[in-house]
Amino acid sequence: MRPWPVDRATARWLLAGGLIGLVAAFVLAVEKIALLKDPSYVPTCSINPLLSCGSIMKTAQAEVFGFPNPLLGIAGFAVVACVGAVLLTGAELPSWFGWSVRGGLLLGVLFVHWLIYQSLYVIGALCPYCMVVWAVMIPMAVYGWSRSPYRILMVTGWYLLIVALILIRFPSLVRM
């Protein structure tokens, strides 16, 4: 069986992105629990009507599969961080495992982009902790799927596109 061809940069992105995403998902889960306990609770990430986790946490999009989305993040990011750590040790994982990880990254980045669309065009608010999740999913997906030497440019371009969409949708952010 051939090993999954993966470089150290990919392993580092998986570990770092997995850990950062895990922290963001955990904080979102804690905030959601606090909101469930006390509906008048104002999450720490609710800064103003536009940058507001609280308004997003109260929508159907925050529980797509019938439970809070951050629970998916806690599980998924923990797995990705572990995979990154294992790869950094120099371990060679089978190619089927690599395809499984890439499949998970693809599903994750597709789900995140659906959530980006929902935030921008349906809900009309941005969640700072959710945006951390958006920010880590993109390089993990790019590095997981591509071995191009231009991966960082792909990630940068992708970020710039999302920033442009945010600024077009919420031009008041420029004046904040």
N, C-alpha and C. Protein backbone atom coordinates (compact mmCIF):
# COMPACT_ATOMS: atom_id res chain seq x y z
N MET A 1 0.83 -1.18 0.00
CA MET A 1 0.00 0.00 0.00
C MET A 1 0.88 1.25 0.00
N ARG A 2 0.54 2.19 -0.88
CA ARG A 2 1.32 3.42 -0.95
C ARG A 2 0.93 4.37 0.18
N PRO A 3 1.93 5.10 0.73
CA PRO A 3 1.61 6.07 1.78
C PRO A 3 0.99 7.35 1.19
N TRP A 4 0.32 8.08 2.03
CA TRP A 4 -0.26 9.37 1.67
C TRP A 4 0.90 10.34 1.48
N PRO A 5 1.09 10.90 0.27
CA PRO A 5 2.20 11.84 0.05
C PRO A 5 1.86 13.20 0.66
N VAL A 6 2.48 13.52 1.76
CA VAL A 6 2.16 14.77 2.45
C VAL A 6 3.47 15.42 2.91
N ASP A 7 3.54 16.74 2.81
CA ASP A 7 4.75 17.44 3.22
C ASP A 7 4.58 18.05 4.62
N ARG A 8 5.68 18.57 5.15
CA ARG A 8 5.65 19.12 6.52
C ARG A 8 4.78 20.37 6.61
N ALA A 9 4.71 21.15 5.53
CA ALA A 9 3.87 22.36 5.56
C ALA A 9 2.40 21.97 5.75
N THR A 10 1.99 20.92 5.06
CA THR A 10 0.61 20.44 5.22
C THR A 10 0.38 19.96 6.64
N ALA A 11 1.33 19.20 7.16
CA ALA A 11 1.20 18.70 8.54
C ALA A 11 1.10 19.86 9.52
N ARG A 12 1.91 20.89 9.32
CA ARG A 12 1.87 22.06 10.22
C ARG A 12 0.53 22.78 10.13
N TRP A 13 0.02 22.96 8.90
CA TRP A 13 -1.28 23.61 8.74
C TRP A 13 -2.39 22.80 9.39
N LEU A 14 -2.33 21.48 9.24
CA LEU A 14 -3.36 20.64 9.85
C LEU A 14 -3.31 20.74 11.37
N LEU A 15 -2.10 20.70 11.93
CA LEU A 15 -1.97 20.80 13.39
C LEU A 15 -2.41 22.18 13.88
N ALA A 16 -1.85 23.23 13.30
CA ALA A 16 -2.17 24.59 13.76
C ALA A 16 -3.64 24.93 13.52
N GLY A 17 -4.12 24.65 12.31
CA GLY A 17 -5.52 24.93 12.00
C GLY A 17 -6.47 24.11 12.85
N GLY A 18 -6.11 22.85 13.07
CA GLY A 18 -6.94 22.00 13.92
C GLY A 18 -7.02 22.52 15.34
N LEU A 19 -5.89 22.96 15.89
CA LEU A 19 -5.88 23.49 17.26
C LEU A 19 -6.64 24.81 17.37
N ILE A 20 -6.40 25.71 16.43
CA ILE A 20 -7.09 27.01 16.45
C ILE A 20 -8.60 26.80 16.26
N GLY A 21 -8.96 25.95 15.29
CA GLY A 21 -10.37 25.66 15.06
C GLY A 21 -11.02 25.00 16.26
N LEU A 22 -10.28 24.11 16.92
CA LEU A 22 -10.79 23.44 18.12
C LEU A 22 -11.10 24.45 19.22
N VAL A 23 -10.20 25.39 19.44
CA VAL A 23 -10.43 26.42 20.46
C VAL A 23 -11.65 27.26 20.09
N ALA A 24 -11.74 27.69 18.83
CA ALA A 24 -12.89 28.50 18.40
C ALA A 24 -14.19 27.73 18.55
N ALA A 25 -14.20 26.45 18.14
CA ALA A 25 -15.41 25.64 18.26
C ALA A 25 -15.78 25.43 19.73
N PHE A 26 -14.78 25.22 20.57
CA PHE A 26 -15.04 25.03 22.00
C PHE A 26 -15.66 26.29 22.61
N VAL A 27 -15.08 27.45 22.29
CA VAL A 27 -15.62 28.71 22.81
C VAL A 27 -17.04 28.92 22.31
N LEU A 28 -17.29 28.64 21.04
CA LEU A 28 -18.65 28.76 20.50
C LEU A 28 -19.61 27.82 21.22
N ALA A 29 -19.17 26.61 21.52
CA ALA A 29 -20.02 25.65 22.24
C ALA A 29 -20.33 26.16 23.65
N VAL A 30 -19.33 26.69 24.33
CA VAL A 30 -19.54 27.24 25.68
C VAL A 30 -20.53 28.41 25.62
N GLU A 31 -20.35 29.28 24.64
CA GLU A 31 -21.26 30.42 24.48
C GLU A 31 -22.68 29.95 24.18
N LYS A 32 -22.81 28.93 23.34
CA LYS A 32 -24.14 28.39 23.01
C LYS A 32 -24.81 27.80 24.25
N ILE A 33 -24.05 27.07 25.06
CA ILE A 33 -24.60 26.49 26.29
C ILE A 33 -25.07 27.60 27.23
N ALA A 34 -24.27 28.65 27.35
CA ALA A 34 -24.66 29.78 28.20
C ALA A 34 -25.94 30.43 27.69
N LEU A 35 -26.07 30.53 26.37
CA LEU A 35 -27.27 31.11 25.76
C LEU A 35 -28.49 30.20 25.97
N LEU A 36 -28.28 28.89 25.93
CA LEU A 36 -29.38 27.96 26.18
C LEU A 36 -29.85 28.04 27.63
N LYS A 37 -28.90 28.21 28.55
CA LYS A 37 -29.24 28.32 29.98
C LYS A 37 -29.99 29.62 30.28
N ASP A 38 -29.53 30.70 29.63
CA ASP A 38 -30.10 32.03 29.89
C ASP A 38 -30.30 32.75 28.56
N PRO A 39 -31.53 32.76 28.03
CA PRO A 39 -31.79 33.40 26.73
C PRO A 39 -31.43 34.89 26.68
N SER A 40 -31.27 35.53 27.83
CA SER A 40 -30.89 36.95 27.83
C SER A 40 -29.36 37.13 27.83
N TYR A 41 -28.61 36.03 27.88
CA TYR A 41 -27.15 36.09 27.88
C TYR A 41 -26.65 36.73 26.59
N VAL A 42 -25.67 37.61 26.72
CA VAL A 42 -25.05 38.24 25.55
C VAL A 42 -23.66 37.62 25.39
N PRO A 43 -23.44 36.84 24.32
CA PRO A 43 -22.13 36.20 24.12
C PRO A 43 -21.00 37.23 24.03
N THR A 44 -19.82 36.80 24.42
CA THR A 44 -18.65 37.69 24.41
C THR A 44 -18.30 38.17 23.01
N CYS A 45 -18.74 37.43 22.01
CA CYS A 45 -18.42 37.80 20.63
C CYS A 45 -19.50 38.67 20.00
N SER A 46 -20.48 39.09 20.76
CA SER A 46 -21.50 40.01 20.26
C SER A 46 -21.04 41.43 20.56
N ILE A 47 -20.46 42.05 19.55
CA ILE A 47 -19.84 43.36 19.71
C ILE A 47 -20.82 44.48 19.35
N ASN A 48 -21.56 44.28 18.27
CA ASN A 48 -22.57 45.24 17.82
C ASN A 48 -23.56 44.46 16.96
N PRO A 49 -24.59 45.10 16.40
CA PRO A 49 -25.57 44.33 15.62
C PRO A 49 -24.98 43.59 14.41
N LEU A 50 -23.90 44.09 13.85
CA LEU A 50 -23.28 43.43 12.70
C LEU A 50 -22.33 42.31 13.11
N LEU A 51 -21.48 42.58 14.09
CA LEU A 51 -20.56 41.56 14.61
C LEU A 51 -21.21 40.95 15.84
N SER A 52 -22.02 39.91 15.60
CA SER A 52 -22.86 39.39 16.67
C SER A 52 -23.04 37.89 16.59
N CYS A 53 -22.35 37.17 17.48
CA CYS A 53 -22.53 35.72 17.55
C CYS A 53 -23.93 35.38 18.05
N GLY A 54 -24.43 36.18 18.99
CA GLY A 54 -25.71 35.89 19.61
C GLY A 54 -26.84 35.79 18.61
N SER A 55 -26.90 36.74 17.67
CA SER A 55 -27.98 36.70 16.68
C SER A 55 -27.84 35.49 15.77
N ILE A 56 -26.63 35.08 15.48
CA ILE A 56 -26.41 33.91 14.63
C ILE A 56 -26.73 32.63 15.38
N MET A 57 -26.35 32.56 16.67
CA MET A 57 -26.58 31.35 17.47
C MET A 57 -28.06 31.03 17.65
N LYS A 58 -28.92 32.03 17.44
CA LYS A 58 -30.36 31.82 17.63
C LYS A 58 -31.06 31.40 16.34
N THR A 59 -30.31 31.21 15.26
CA THR A 59 -30.92 30.85 13.98
C THR A 59 -30.90 29.34 13.76
N ALA A 60 -31.70 28.90 12.81
CA ALA A 60 -31.72 27.48 12.44
C ALA A 60 -30.38 27.05 11.84
N GLN A 61 -29.68 27.98 11.20
CA GLN A 61 -28.39 27.66 10.59
C GLN A 61 -27.34 27.27 11.62
N ALA A 62 -27.54 27.64 12.87
CA ALA A 62 -26.59 27.32 13.94
C ALA A 62 -26.71 25.88 14.41
N GLU A 63 -27.77 25.20 13.95
CA GLU A 63 -28.00 23.80 14.34
C GLU A 63 -28.48 23.02 13.12
N VAL A 64 -27.67 22.98 12.11
CA VAL A 64 -28.07 22.40 10.82
C VAL A 64 -28.50 20.94 10.94
N PHE A 65 -27.82 20.17 11.77
CA PHE A 65 -28.11 18.74 11.89
C PHE A 65 -28.89 18.41 13.16
N GLY A 66 -29.50 19.42 13.79
CA GLY A 66 -30.30 19.19 14.98
C GLY A 66 -29.55 19.36 16.28
N PHE A 67 -28.28 19.68 16.21
CA PHE A 67 -27.46 19.96 17.40
C PHE A 67 -26.53 21.11 17.02
N PRO A 68 -25.97 21.81 18.01
CA PRO A 68 -25.14 22.98 17.70
C PRO A 68 -23.95 22.63 16.79
N ASN A 69 -23.77 23.43 15.76
CA ASN A 69 -22.67 23.23 14.81
C ASN A 69 -21.30 23.13 15.46
N PRO A 70 -21.02 23.88 16.55
CA PRO A 70 -19.69 23.78 17.15
C PRO A 70 -19.32 22.36 17.60
N LEU A 71 -20.30 21.52 17.84
CA LEU A 71 -19.98 20.14 18.22
C LEU A 71 -19.31 19.41 17.06
N LEU A 72 -19.73 19.72 15.83
CA LEU A 72 -19.04 19.16 14.66
C LEU A 72 -17.59 19.66 14.62
N GLY A 73 -17.42 20.94 14.92
CA GLY A 73 -16.08 21.52 14.92
C GLY A 73 -15.18 20.91 15.97
N ILE A 74 -15.72 20.69 17.16
CA ILE A 74 -14.90 20.10 18.23
C ILE A 74 -14.39 18.73 17.79
N ALA A 75 -15.27 17.92 17.24
CA ALA A 75 -14.86 16.58 16.79
C ALA A 75 -13.92 16.66 15.60
N GLY A 76 -14.31 17.41 14.58
CA GLY A 76 -13.53 17.48 13.35
C GLY A 76 -12.16 18.10 13.54
N PHE A 77 -12.10 19.22 14.25
CA PHE A 77 -10.81 19.88 14.45
C PHE A 77 -9.89 19.06 15.33
N ALA A 78 -10.44 18.34 16.30
CA ALA A 78 -9.60 17.48 17.14
C ALA A 78 -8.94 16.39 16.29
N VAL A 79 -9.72 15.80 15.38
CA VAL A 79 -9.18 14.76 14.50
C VAL A 79 -8.09 15.34 13.61
N VAL A 80 -8.36 16.49 13.00
CA VAL A 80 -7.40 17.10 12.08
C VAL A 80 -6.11 17.47 12.82
N ALA A 81 -6.23 18.02 14.03
CA ALA A 81 -5.04 18.37 14.81
C ALA A 81 -4.22 17.12 15.12
N CYS A 82 -4.88 16.04 15.48
CA CYS A 82 -4.17 14.77 15.76
C CYS A 82 -3.47 14.26 14.51
N VAL A 83 -4.14 14.33 13.37
CA VAL A 83 -3.53 13.88 12.12
C VAL A 83 -2.29 14.73 11.83
N GLY A 84 -2.40 16.05 11.99
CA GLY A 84 -1.25 16.92 11.77
C GLY A 84 -0.09 16.58 12.69
N ALA A 85 -0.39 16.31 13.96
CA ALA A 85 0.66 15.96 14.92
C ALA A 85 1.33 14.64 14.54
N VAL A 86 0.54 13.66 14.15
CA VAL A 86 1.09 12.36 13.74
C VAL A 86 1.97 12.53 12.51
N LEU A 87 1.52 13.33 11.55
CA LEU A 87 2.31 13.54 10.34
C LEU A 87 3.62 14.27 10.64
N LEU A 88 3.60 15.18 11.61
CA LEU A 88 4.84 15.89 11.97
C LEU A 88 5.87 14.97 12.60
N THR A 89 5.45 13.83 13.13
CA THR A 89 6.42 12.88 13.69
C THR A 89 7.15 12.13 12.58
N GLY A 90 6.67 12.28 11.35
CA GLY A 90 7.28 11.57 10.24
C GLY A 90 6.56 10.29 9.89
N ALA A 91 5.46 10.02 10.56
CA ALA A 91 4.70 8.80 10.28
C ALA A 91 4.16 8.84 8.85
N GLU A 92 4.13 7.68 8.23
CA GLU A 92 3.55 7.55 6.90
C GLU A 92 2.19 6.88 7.05
N LEU A 93 1.16 7.60 6.65
CA LEU A 93 -0.20 7.08 6.74
C LEU A 93 -0.62 6.55 5.37
N PRO A 94 -1.46 5.52 5.35
CA PRO A 94 -1.86 4.95 4.06
C PRO A 94 -2.66 5.95 3.21
N SER A 95 -2.59 5.76 1.91
CA SER A 95 -3.25 6.70 1.00
C SER A 95 -4.76 6.75 1.23
N TRP A 96 -5.38 5.63 1.59
CA TRP A 96 -6.83 5.65 1.84
C TRP A 96 -7.15 6.59 3.00
N PHE A 97 -6.24 6.66 3.98
CA PHE A 97 -6.44 7.55 5.12
C PHE A 97 -6.33 9.00 4.66
N GLY A 98 -5.34 9.27 3.80
CA GLY A 98 -5.19 10.61 3.25
C GLY A 98 -6.42 11.05 2.48
N TRP A 99 -6.98 10.14 1.68
CA TRP A 99 -8.21 10.47 0.95
C TRP A 99 -9.37 10.72 1.91
N SER A 100 -9.41 9.99 3.00
CA SER A 100 -10.46 10.20 4.01
C SER A 100 -10.32 11.57 4.65
N VAL A 101 -9.10 11.95 5.00
CA VAL A 101 -8.86 13.27 5.59
C VAL A 101 -9.23 14.36 4.59
N ARG A 102 -8.80 14.20 3.34
CA ARG A 102 -9.14 15.19 2.31
C ARG A 102 -10.64 15.28 2.10
N GLY A 103 -11.32 14.13 2.15
CA GLY A 103 -12.78 14.14 2.03
C GLY A 103 -13.42 14.93 3.17
N GLY A 104 -12.92 14.73 4.38
CA GLY A 104 -13.42 15.48 5.53
C GLY A 104 -13.15 16.97 5.39
N LEU A 105 -11.95 17.32 4.90
CA LEU A 105 -11.62 18.73 4.69
C LEU A 105 -12.52 19.35 3.63
N LEU A 106 -12.80 18.60 2.57
CA LEU A 106 -13.69 19.10 1.53
C LEU A 106 -15.09 19.34 2.09
N LEU A 107 -15.62 18.38 2.83
CA LEU A 107 -16.94 18.56 3.44
C LEU A 107 -16.93 19.76 4.39
N GLY A 108 -15.85 19.88 5.17
CA GLY A 108 -15.74 21.00 6.11
C GLY A 108 -15.72 22.34 5.41
N VAL A 109 -14.93 22.46 4.36
CA VAL A 109 -14.82 23.76 3.68
C VAL A 109 -16.11 24.07 2.92
N LEU A 110 -16.79 23.06 2.39
CA LEU A 110 -18.09 23.30 1.74
C LEU A 110 -19.11 23.78 2.77
N PHE A 111 -19.14 23.13 3.93
CA PHE A 111 -20.07 23.52 5.00
C PHE A 111 -19.78 24.95 5.46
N VAL A 112 -18.51 25.27 5.64
CA VAL A 112 -18.12 26.62 6.06
C VAL A 112 -18.57 27.65 5.03
N HIS A 113 -18.44 27.33 3.75
CA HIS A 113 -18.85 28.30 2.73
C HIS A 113 -20.36 28.44 2.65
N TRP A 114 -21.08 27.39 2.94
CA TRP A 114 -22.53 27.51 3.06
C TRP A 114 -22.86 28.44 4.23
N LEU A 115 -22.14 28.28 5.35
CA LEU A 115 -22.36 29.14 6.51
C LEU A 115 -21.96 30.59 6.21
N ILE A 116 -20.90 30.79 5.43
CA ILE A 116 -20.51 32.15 5.03
C ILE A 116 -21.66 32.79 4.25
N TYR A 117 -22.20 32.06 3.29
CA TYR A 117 -23.33 32.57 2.50
C TYR A 117 -24.51 32.91 3.42
N GLN A 118 -24.82 32.01 4.33
CA GLN A 118 -25.93 32.25 5.25
C GLN A 118 -25.68 33.49 6.10
N SER A 119 -24.46 33.65 6.60
CA SER A 119 -24.13 34.82 7.42
C SER A 119 -24.27 36.12 6.63
N LEU A 120 -23.73 36.12 5.42
CA LEU A 120 -23.73 37.34 4.62
C LEU A 120 -25.09 37.70 4.06
N TYR A 121 -25.80 36.72 3.49
CA TYR A 121 -26.96 37.05 2.67
C TYR A 121 -28.31 36.64 3.26
N VAL A 122 -28.32 35.81 4.29
CA VAL A 122 -29.58 35.40 4.90
C VAL A 122 -29.72 36.01 6.29
N ILE A 123 -28.74 35.79 7.15
CA ILE A 123 -28.80 36.27 8.53
C ILE A 123 -28.43 37.75 8.61
N GLY A 124 -27.42 38.15 7.87
CA GLY A 124 -27.01 39.55 7.85
C GLY A 124 -26.17 39.96 9.05
N ALA A 125 -25.38 39.03 9.55
CA ALA A 125 -24.49 39.32 10.68
C ALA A 125 -23.25 38.45 10.56
N LEU A 126 -22.20 38.85 11.26
CA LEU A 126 -20.94 38.11 11.26
C LEU A 126 -20.61 37.70 12.68
N CYS A 127 -20.14 36.48 12.82
CA CYS A 127 -19.74 35.95 14.13
C CYS A 127 -18.21 35.88 14.15
N PRO A 128 -17.55 36.66 15.01
CA PRO A 128 -16.08 36.65 15.02
C PRO A 128 -15.47 35.26 15.23
N TYR A 129 -16.00 34.47 16.15
CA TYR A 129 -15.45 33.13 16.37
C TYR A 129 -15.70 32.24 15.15
N CYS A 130 -16.85 32.41 14.52
CA CYS A 130 -17.13 31.63 13.30
C CYS A 130 -16.13 32.00 12.20
N MET A 131 -15.78 33.28 12.14
CA MET A 131 -14.83 33.72 11.12
C MET A 131 -13.44 33.13 11.36
N VAL A 132 -13.12 32.85 12.61
CA VAL A 132 -11.86 32.14 12.90
C VAL A 132 -11.93 30.74 12.28
N VAL A 133 -13.07 30.09 12.42
CA VAL A 133 -13.26 28.76 11.81
C VAL A 133 -13.14 28.87 10.29
N TRP A 134 -13.77 29.88 9.70
CA TRP A 134 -13.65 30.07 8.26
C TRP A 134 -12.17 30.19 7.88
N ALA A 135 -11.46 31.01 8.65
CA ALA A 135 -10.06 31.32 8.33
C ALA A 135 -9.15 30.10 8.40
N VAL A 136 -9.42 29.16 9.29
CA VAL A 136 -8.54 27.99 9.38
C VAL A 136 -8.94 26.89 8.41
N MET A 137 -10.21 26.82 8.06
CA MET A 137 -10.64 25.77 7.13
C MET A 137 -10.02 25.94 5.75
N ILE A 138 -9.88 27.17 5.31
CA ILE A 138 -9.39 27.42 3.95
C ILE A 138 -7.96 26.90 3.76
N PRO A 139 -6.98 27.30 4.58
CA PRO A 139 -5.64 26.75 4.34
C PRO A 139 -5.55 25.25 4.60
N MET A 140 -6.32 24.74 5.54
CA MET A 140 -6.28 23.28 5.76
C MET A 140 -6.77 22.56 4.51
N ALA A 141 -7.84 23.06 3.89
CA ALA A 141 -8.36 22.42 2.68
C ALA A 141 -7.37 22.56 1.52
N VAL A 142 -6.83 23.76 1.34
CA VAL A 142 -5.88 23.98 0.23
C VAL A 142 -4.64 23.11 0.41
N TYR A 143 -4.06 23.12 1.60
CA TYR A 143 -2.85 22.33 1.83
C TYR A 143 -3.15 20.84 1.84
N GLY A 144 -4.33 20.46 2.25
CA GLY A 144 -4.70 19.04 2.23
C GLY A 144 -4.88 18.50 0.83
N TRP A 145 -5.36 19.36 -0.07
CA TRP A 145 -5.68 18.91 -1.43
C TRP A 145 -4.60 19.20 -2.46
N SER A 146 -3.80 20.22 -2.24
CA SER A 146 -2.85 20.64 -3.27
C SER A 146 -1.40 20.47 -2.81
N ARG A 147 -0.54 20.17 -3.76
CA ARG A 147 0.90 20.14 -3.48
C ARG A 147 1.62 21.23 -4.27
N SER A 148 0.85 22.17 -4.80
CA SER A 148 1.41 23.26 -5.58
C SER A 148 2.31 24.15 -4.72
N PRO A 149 3.40 24.65 -5.30
CA PRO A 149 4.24 25.59 -4.54
C PRO A 149 3.54 26.94 -4.32
N TYR A 150 2.40 27.14 -4.97
CA TYR A 150 1.67 28.41 -4.88
C TYR A 150 0.47 28.34 -3.93
N ARG A 151 0.48 27.37 -3.04
CA ARG A 151 -0.67 27.19 -2.14
C ARG A 151 -0.94 28.43 -1.30
N ILE A 152 0.09 29.08 -0.81
CA ILE A 152 -0.13 30.26 0.02
C ILE A 152 -0.80 31.37 -0.79
N LEU A 153 -0.50 31.45 -2.08
CA LEU A 153 -1.17 32.43 -2.94
C LEU A 153 -2.64 32.06 -3.13
N MET A 154 -2.93 30.77 -3.23
CA MET A 154 -4.33 30.33 -3.33
C MET A 154 -5.10 30.74 -2.08
N VAL A 155 -4.49 30.50 -0.93
CA VAL A 155 -5.13 30.85 0.34
C VAL A 155 -5.34 32.36 0.43
N THR A 156 -4.31 33.13 0.07
CA THR A 156 -4.40 34.59 0.12
C THR A 156 -5.51 35.10 -0.80
N GLY A 157 -5.56 34.58 -2.01
CA GLY A 157 -6.61 34.98 -2.95
C GLY A 157 -8.00 34.65 -2.43
N TRP A 158 -8.12 33.48 -1.84
CA TRP A 158 -9.40 33.04 -1.28
C TRP A 158 -9.83 33.97 -0.15
N TYR A 159 -8.88 34.31 0.74
CA TYR A 159 -9.17 35.26 1.83
C TYR A 159 -9.62 36.61 1.27
N LEU A 160 -8.89 37.11 0.27
CA LEU A 160 -9.23 38.41 -0.31
C LEU A 160 -10.62 38.40 -0.92
N LEU A 161 -11.00 37.30 -1.55
CA LEU A 161 -12.34 37.19 -2.11
C LEU A 161 -13.40 37.27 -1.02
N ILE A 162 -13.18 36.56 0.08
CA ILE A 162 -14.16 36.58 1.18
C ILE A 162 -14.22 37.96 1.82
N VAL A 163 -13.06 38.59 2.01
CA VAL A 163 -13.05 39.95 2.57
C VAL A 163 -13.81 40.89 1.64
N ALA A 164 -13.61 40.76 0.33
CA ALA A 164 -14.32 41.60 -0.63
C ALA A 164 -15.83 41.37 -0.53
N LEU A 165 -16.25 40.11 -0.44
CA LEU A 165 -17.68 39.82 -0.31
C LEU A 165 -18.26 40.44 0.97
N ILE A 166 -17.49 40.36 2.06
CA ILE A 166 -17.94 40.95 3.32
C ILE A 166 -18.07 42.47 3.18
N LEU A 167 -17.07 43.11 2.59
CA LEU A 167 -17.09 44.57 2.46
C LEU A 167 -18.16 45.04 1.49
N ILE A 168 -18.43 44.27 0.46
CA ILE A 168 -19.51 44.61 -0.47
C ILE A 168 -20.86 44.48 0.24
N ARG A 169 -21.01 43.42 1.01
CA ARG A 169 -22.28 43.18 1.71
C ARG A 169 -22.48 44.15 2.87
N PHE A 170 -21.40 44.48 3.57
CA PHE A 170 -21.48 45.36 4.75
C PHE A 170 -20.52 46.54 4.58
N PRO A 171 -20.84 47.49 3.71
CA PRO A 171 -19.92 48.60 3.49
C PRO A 171 -19.69 49.45 4.74
N SER A 172 -20.58 49.37 5.71
CA SER A 172 -20.40 50.15 6.94
C SER A 172 -19.16 49.69 7.72
N LEU A 173 -18.67 48.48 7.45
CA LEU A 173 -17.46 48.00 8.12
C LEU A 173 -16.25 48.87 7.79
N VAL A 174 -16.24 49.43 6.61
CA VAL A 174 -15.12 50.27 6.19
C VAL A 174 -15.08 51.53 7.04
N ARG A 175 -16.24 52.00 7.47
CA ARG A 175 -16.32 53.24 8.25
C ARG A 175 -16.25 53.00 9.74
N MET A 176 -16.10 51.76 10.19
CA MET A 176 -16.09 51.48 11.64
C MET A 176 -14.80 51.92 12.27
